[in-house]
Amino acid sequence: MINRDQIRIRDPYILVNEQEQCYYLYGTTDSNVWSGPGTGFDTYKSTDLEQWDGPYPAFRPEPGFWADHHFWAPEVYLHNGHYYMFASFKSDEKRRATQILISDSPKGPFEPLSSKPITPSEWECLDGTLYIDEDQTPWMVFCHEWVQMRDGKMCAVPLTSDFSEAAGEPIVLFSASEAPWAVAGGEDKDVYVTDGPFLYKNKEGELLMLWSSGSKNGYAIGIARSENGRIEGPWEQDEATLFPEDGGHGMLFRSLEGKLMLAMHAPNNQPDERALFIEVEENNGTLQRKA
């Protein structure tokens, strides 16, 4: 087994497996995530979030797969008896995109569900996450990247019931610059980043979105909210961040003991990134670290 602090990982995602009474950890696991050729995604298995079995090779691209680098941020969902992986990929010939893969096991192997990504081919996109609304319509929420937009956008697109393709045109939910805590970067200080969306419905019926951008303290996690509970919004930004320091790309899960947990990576600099699991609680309609 391997300790949590020995696993270098970005964008950690936890799948809670009730049947096996265990956790599966996924994330960006290539040793050179920024410029090297993409190897794939690994997964790890644990019963306590500290000691992990693995790594198990959850995804390795077959010859002819369209992407060859920037294999980022896999998320895995159990839906209708299958495991679906939402993950981002890129090649020199094609723009960064989120594609959906499928497997009969949380360990994989995962294979592309369809021949092309879900996100628009002319857009630079990443970090697709799944949300199923009150009408049982599946949506993929994703980021239209700052590298193309300068002011990154958070977008959503409806999916077909089998997740194989988009069922409509994407809509813009908000821009990164709308968040009062977000800080512009880049040489001209005009770049606003959108990263890592994750959806959560609070007790009041509002739809909250965790997402990451740059703050005065570095990479951070903020909260946007749709008060009417609909994915279409309108969306407003909370003033304060959930995690204001040097870490981000968060998601929420319920532990096997029923605790609400935040998974994220910190610090944000390579090669020191590690998965952190922090207990949080809902208080007055928002989320905060549990005292």
Protein backbone atom coordinates (compact mmCIF):
# COMPACT_ATOMS: atom_id res chain seq x y z
CA MET A 1 0.00 0.00 0.00
CA ILE A 2 0.98 3.64 -0.41
CA ASN A 3 0.30 6.65 1.79
CA ARG A 4 -1.80 9.52 0.51
CA ASP A 5 1.11 11.95 0.81
CA GLN A 6 3.22 9.74 -1.45
CA ILE A 7 0.82 10.06 -4.40
CA ARG A 8 1.54 12.97 -6.71
CA ILE A 9 -1.80 13.97 -8.19
CA ARG A 10 -3.64 17.03 -9.49
CA ASP A 11 -7.40 17.51 -9.75
CA PRO A 12 -8.26 14.61 -7.38
CA TYR A 13 -11.69 13.05 -7.74
CA ILE A 14 -13.24 10.52 -5.33
CA LEU A 15 -15.77 7.88 -6.38
CA VAL A 16 -17.43 6.33 -3.33
CA ASN A 17 -18.19 2.66 -3.99
CA GLU A 18 -20.96 1.66 -1.57
CA GLN A 19 -20.99 -1.95 -2.70
CA GLU A 20 -17.29 -2.46 -1.99
CA GLN A 21 -17.29 0.01 0.95
CA CYS A 22 -14.26 1.76 -0.46
CA TYR A 23 -13.06 4.84 -2.32
CA TYR A 24 -11.51 5.15 -5.77
CA LEU A 25 -9.18 8.09 -6.37
CA TYR A 26 -8.73 9.49 -9.88
CA GLY A 27 -6.87 12.55 -11.09
CA THR A 28 -4.20 13.98 -13.33
CA THR A 29 -1.44 11.45 -12.75
CA ASP A 30 1.04 11.79 -15.64
CA SER A 31 4.53 12.69 -14.41
CA ASN A 32 4.83 15.56 -16.91
CA VAL A 33 1.33 17.01 -17.06
CA TRP A 34 2.22 20.22 -18.91
CA SER A 35 4.42 19.28 -21.86
CA GLY A 36 5.12 15.57 -21.95
CA PRO A 37 3.28 12.96 -23.98
CA GLY A 38 0.13 11.70 -22.28
CA THR A 39 0.35 8.25 -20.69
CA GLY A 40 -3.20 7.91 -19.35
CA PHE A 41 -4.98 7.91 -16.00
CA ASP A 42 -4.36 5.76 -12.94
CA THR A 43 -6.71 5.00 -10.08
CA TYR A 44 -6.10 4.05 -6.45
CA LYS A 45 -8.35 2.18 -3.99
CA SER A 46 -8.74 2.78 -0.24
CA THR A 47 -11.04 2.18 2.73
CA ASP A 48 -9.79 5.11 4.84
CA LEU A 49 -8.58 7.85 2.41
CA GLU A 50 -5.02 7.51 3.77
CA GLN A 51 -3.70 4.09 2.74
CA TRP A 52 -4.15 3.24 -0.95
CA ASP A 53 -3.78 0.20 -3.18
CA GLY A 54 -2.54 0.81 -6.70
CA PRO A 55 -1.93 2.41 -9.01
CA TYR A 56 -4.25 0.61 -11.42
CA PRO A 57 -4.15 1.71 -15.09
CA ALA A 58 -7.72 3.01 -15.54
CA PHE A 59 -7.13 4.44 -19.03
CA ARG A 60 -4.44 3.96 -21.63
CA PRO A 61 -5.10 5.32 -25.14
CA GLU A 62 -5.37 2.87 -27.98
CA PRO A 63 -3.33 3.51 -31.17
CA GLY A 64 -5.07 6.16 -33.21
CA PHE A 65 -6.59 8.02 -30.24
CA TRP A 66 -6.88 11.65 -31.29
CA ALA A 67 -5.04 13.22 -28.30
CA ASP A 68 -1.43 12.80 -27.26
CA HIS A 69 -0.88 15.22 -24.35
CA HIS A 70 -2.55 17.17 -21.53
CA PHE A 71 -4.51 14.23 -20.16
CA TRP A 72 -6.24 16.09 -17.33
CA ALA A 73 -8.88 15.95 -14.60
CA PRO A 74 -10.77 12.65 -14.97
CA GLU A 75 -14.06 12.32 -13.08
CA VAL A 76 -15.90 8.98 -12.82
CA TYR A 77 -19.63 8.42 -12.28
CA LEU A 78 -21.72 5.28 -11.86
CA HIS A 79 -24.86 5.66 -13.99
CA ASN A 80 -27.28 2.97 -15.18
CA GLY A 81 -24.84 0.19 -14.38
CA HIS A 82 -21.84 1.68 -16.21
CA TYR A 83 -18.92 3.82 -15.13
CA TYR A 84 -18.43 7.01 -17.13
CA MET A 85 -15.22 9.02 -17.15
CA PHE A 86 -15.26 12.71 -18.12
CA ALA A 87 -11.70 13.81 -18.96
CA SER A 88 -9.80 16.48 -20.87
CA PHE A 89 -7.33 15.87 -23.70
CA LYS A 90 -5.37 17.80 -26.32
CA SER A 91 -3.26 17.33 -29.46
CA ASP A 92 -1.27 19.69 -31.65
CA GLU A 93 -3.86 19.30 -34.41
CA LYS A 94 -7.00 19.60 -32.25
CA ARG A 95 -8.11 21.93 -29.50
CA ARG A 96 -8.30 20.88 -25.89
CA ALA A 97 -11.62 19.13 -25.24
CA THR A 98 -13.58 16.99 -22.79
CA GLN A 99 -14.44 13.48 -23.93
CA ILE A 100 -16.54 10.83 -22.18
CA LEU A 101 -15.26 7.28 -21.72
CA ILE A 102 -17.02 4.16 -20.44
CA SER A 103 -16.16 1.01 -18.49
CA ASP A 104 -17.91 -1.81 -16.63
CA SER A 105 -15.50 -1.43 -13.71
CA PRO A 106 -14.26 1.53 -11.65
CA LYS A 107 -10.73 0.24 -12.28
CA GLY A 108 -11.27 0.35 -16.04
CA PRO A 109 -10.17 -0.12 -18.65
CA PHE A 110 -12.06 2.95 -19.87
CA GLU A 111 -12.69 3.34 -23.59
CA PRO A 112 -14.10 6.30 -25.55
CA LEU A 113 -17.88 6.25 -25.57
CA SER A 114 -17.96 7.95 -28.97
CA SER A 115 -15.45 8.96 -31.62
CA LYS A 116 -15.21 12.63 -30.66
CA PRO A 117 -15.34 14.94 -27.64
CA ILE A 118 -18.52 16.57 -26.34
CA THR A 119 -17.20 20.14 -26.27
CA PRO A 120 -17.32 22.26 -29.47
CA SER A 121 -14.43 21.44 -31.81
CA GLU A 122 -13.53 25.10 -32.36
CA TRP A 123 -13.36 25.90 -28.62
CA GLU A 124 -10.49 25.40 -26.16
CA CYS A 125 -12.23 23.59 -23.29
CA LEU A 126 -11.48 21.54 -20.20
CA ASP A 127 -12.76 20.14 -16.90
CA GLY A 128 -16.13 18.69 -17.87
CA THR A 129 -18.28 17.61 -14.91
CA LEU A 130 -21.67 15.88 -14.80
CA TYR A 131 -24.90 17.34 -13.41
CA ILE A 132 -28.34 15.73 -13.70
CA ASP A 133 -31.17 18.23 -13.15
CA GLU A 134 -34.64 17.91 -11.65
CA ASP A 135 -36.04 16.78 -15.01
CA GLN A 136 -33.39 14.02 -15.20
CA THR A 137 -31.66 15.84 -18.04
CA PRO A 138 -27.90 15.24 -17.95
CA TRP A 139 -25.66 18.28 -18.43
CA MET A 140 -21.95 18.66 -18.78
CA VAL A 141 -20.62 21.81 -17.16
CA PHE A 142 -17.20 22.80 -18.51
CA CYS A 143 -14.75 25.67 -18.92
CA HIS A 144 -14.27 27.66 -22.12
CA GLU A 145 -10.63 28.43 -21.54
CA TRP A 146 -8.85 31.70 -20.93
CA VAL A 147 -6.25 30.76 -23.58
CA GLN A 148 -8.92 31.51 -26.14
CA MET A 149 -11.24 33.88 -24.26
CA ARG A 150 -8.83 35.78 -21.94
CA ASP A 151 -11.79 36.07 -19.54
CA GLY A 152 -12.60 32.38 -19.05
CA LYS A 153 -16.23 31.28 -19.22
CA MET A 154 -18.16 28.62 -17.35
CA CYS A 155 -20.50 26.84 -19.74
CA ALA A 156 -23.02 24.00 -19.78
CA VAL A 157 -24.30 21.73 -22.53
CA PRO A 158 -27.16 19.20 -22.34
CA LEU A 159 -26.30 15.57 -23.09
CA THR A 160 -28.26 12.74 -24.63
CA SER A 161 -29.54 10.18 -22.13
CA ASP A 162 -26.67 7.80 -22.93
CA PHE A 163 -24.04 10.59 -22.64
CA SER A 164 -22.82 9.86 -26.17
CA GLU A 165 -23.19 13.39 -27.58
CA ALA A 166 -24.43 16.90 -26.97
CA ALA A 167 -28.20 17.31 -27.11
CA GLY A 168 -28.12 21.04 -27.77
CA GLU A 169 -25.92 24.11 -27.97
CA PRO A 170 -23.75 25.16 -25.01
CA ILE A 171 -24.83 28.09 -22.86
CA VAL A 172 -22.63 30.52 -20.93
CA LEU A 173 -23.28 30.54 -17.17
CA PHE A 174 -20.79 33.23 -16.08
CA SER A 175 -17.36 34.74 -16.69
CA ALA A 176 -14.43 34.37 -14.30
CA SER A 177 -14.11 38.15 -13.86
CA GLU A 178 -17.56 38.27 -12.24
CA ALA A 179 -16.14 36.76 -9.04
CA PRO A 180 -15.00 39.51 -6.63
CA TRP A 181 -12.19 37.30 -5.34
CA ALA A 182 -10.76 36.40 -8.79
CA VAL A 183 -7.51 38.15 -9.72
CA ALA A 184 -6.35 38.77 -13.29
CA GLY A 185 -3.02 37.33 -14.40
CA GLY A 186 -0.89 37.13 -17.51
CA GLU A 187 1.59 39.66 -18.88
CA ASP A 188 -1.12 42.26 -19.43
CA LYS A 189 -3.06 41.36 -16.28
CA ASP A 190 -6.15 40.65 -18.36
CA VAL A 191 -6.41 36.87 -17.98
CA TYR A 192 -9.11 35.34 -15.76
CA VAL A 193 -9.06 31.57 -15.32
CA THR A 194 -12.02 29.19 -14.98
CA ASP A 195 -11.13 25.73 -13.68
CA GLY A 196 -12.64 22.70 -12.00
CA PRO A 197 -16.45 23.12 -11.74
CA PHE A 198 -18.41 20.84 -9.41
CA LEU A 199 -22.14 21.09 -8.63
CA TYR A 200 -23.86 20.72 -5.23
CA LYS A 201 -27.50 21.35 -4.23
CA ASN A 202 -27.82 22.93 -0.78
CA LYS A 203 -30.63 22.42 1.73
CA GLU A 204 -32.44 25.56 0.53
CA GLY A 205 -32.60 24.18 -3.00
CA GLU A 206 -29.96 26.54 -4.38
CA LEU A 207 -27.46 25.07 -6.82
CA LEU A 208 -23.88 25.76 -5.74
CA MET A 209 -20.86 25.44 -7.98
CA LEU A 210 -17.34 25.02 -6.66
CA TRP A 211 -14.81 26.37 -9.17
CA SER A 212 -11.20 27.55 -9.16
CA SER A 213 -9.30 30.59 -10.35
CA GLY A 214 -6.42 32.80 -9.29
CA SER A 215 -6.86 34.86 -6.13
CA LYS A 216 -4.60 37.23 -4.20
CA ASN A 217 -3.35 34.16 -2.33
CA GLY A 218 -2.81 32.00 -5.42
CA TYR A 219 -4.95 29.20 -6.82
CA ALA A 220 -8.24 29.11 -4.89
CA ILE A 221 -11.74 27.61 -4.72
CA GLY A 222 -14.78 29.89 -4.83
CA ILE A 223 -18.53 29.32 -4.85
CA ALA A 224 -21.07 30.45 -7.43
CA ARG A 225 -24.78 29.97 -6.83
CA SER A 226 -27.98 29.69 -8.82
CA GLU A 227 -30.66 30.71 -6.32
CA ASN A 228 -33.47 29.19 -8.38
CA GLY A 229 -31.68 25.85 -8.40
CA ARG A 230 -31.54 25.67 -12.20
CA ILE A 231 -28.37 25.07 -14.16
CA GLU A 232 -29.31 27.93 -16.49
CA GLY A 233 -29.04 30.39 -13.58
CA PRO A 234 -28.77 33.33 -13.21
CA TRP A 235 -25.52 32.71 -11.35
CA GLU A 236 -24.06 34.96 -8.67
CA GLN A 237 -20.67 34.78 -6.99
CA ASP A 238 -20.05 34.51 -3.25
CA GLU A 239 -17.73 37.17 -1.85
CA ALA A 240 -15.55 34.78 0.13
CA THR A 241 -13.65 31.76 -1.11
CA LEU A 242 -14.09 28.27 0.31
CA PHE A 243 -10.35 27.63 0.09
CA PRO A 244 -8.32 30.84 -0.40
CA GLU A 245 -4.78 29.49 -0.37
CA ASP A 246 -2.38 27.69 -2.71
CA GLY A 247 -4.63 24.83 -3.84
CA GLY A 248 -7.79 24.12 -5.75
CA HIS A 249 -9.81 22.10 -8.26
CA GLY A 250 -12.24 20.86 -5.63
CA MET A 251 -15.08 18.34 -5.55
CA LEU A 252 -17.41 17.10 -2.82
CA PHE A 253 -18.28 13.58 -1.67
CA ARG A 254 -19.90 11.85 1.27
CA SER A 255 -17.53 9.62 3.21
CA LEU A 256 -18.54 6.08 4.12
CA GLU A 257 -19.36 7.53 7.56
CA GLY A 258 -21.64 10.18 6.02
CA LYS A 259 -19.32 13.18 6.39
CA LEU A 260 -19.33 15.86 3.69
CA MET A 261 -15.77 16.02 2.35
CA LEU A 262 -13.88 18.37 0.04
CA ALA A 263 -11.25 16.78 -2.20
CA MET A 264 -8.67 19.11 -3.75
CA HIS A 265 -4.97 19.33 -4.54
CA ALA A 266 -2.45 21.46 -2.69
CA PRO A 267 -0.01 23.02 -3.12
CA ASN A 268 -0.48 24.03 -6.75
CA ASN A 269 3.17 23.83 -7.80
CA GLN A 270 4.71 20.75 -9.38
CA PRO A 271 5.89 18.21 -8.35
CA ASP A 272 4.52 18.78 -4.84
CA GLU A 273 0.79 18.43 -5.58
CA ARG A 274 -1.03 16.05 -3.23
CA ALA A 275 -4.68 15.15 -2.61
CA LEU A 276 -6.22 16.76 0.46
CA PHE A 277 -9.49 15.62 2.05
CA ILE A 278 -11.10 18.23 4.28
CA GLU A 279 -14.40 17.89 6.17
CA VAL A 280 -16.80 20.71 5.33
CA GLU A 281 -20.30 21.62 6.46
CA GLU A 282 -23.24 23.56 5.14
CA ASN A 283 -24.04 26.68 7.14
CA ASN A 284 -26.56 29.38 6.19
CA GLY A 285 -26.73 28.14 2.63
CA THR A 286 -23.00 28.07 2.00
CA LEU A 287 -20.09 25.70 2.60
CA GLN A 288 -17.24 26.13 5.04
CA ARG A 289 -14.52 24.05 6.59
CA LYS A 290 -15.82 22.21 9.64
CA ALA A 291 -14.43 23.66 12.84
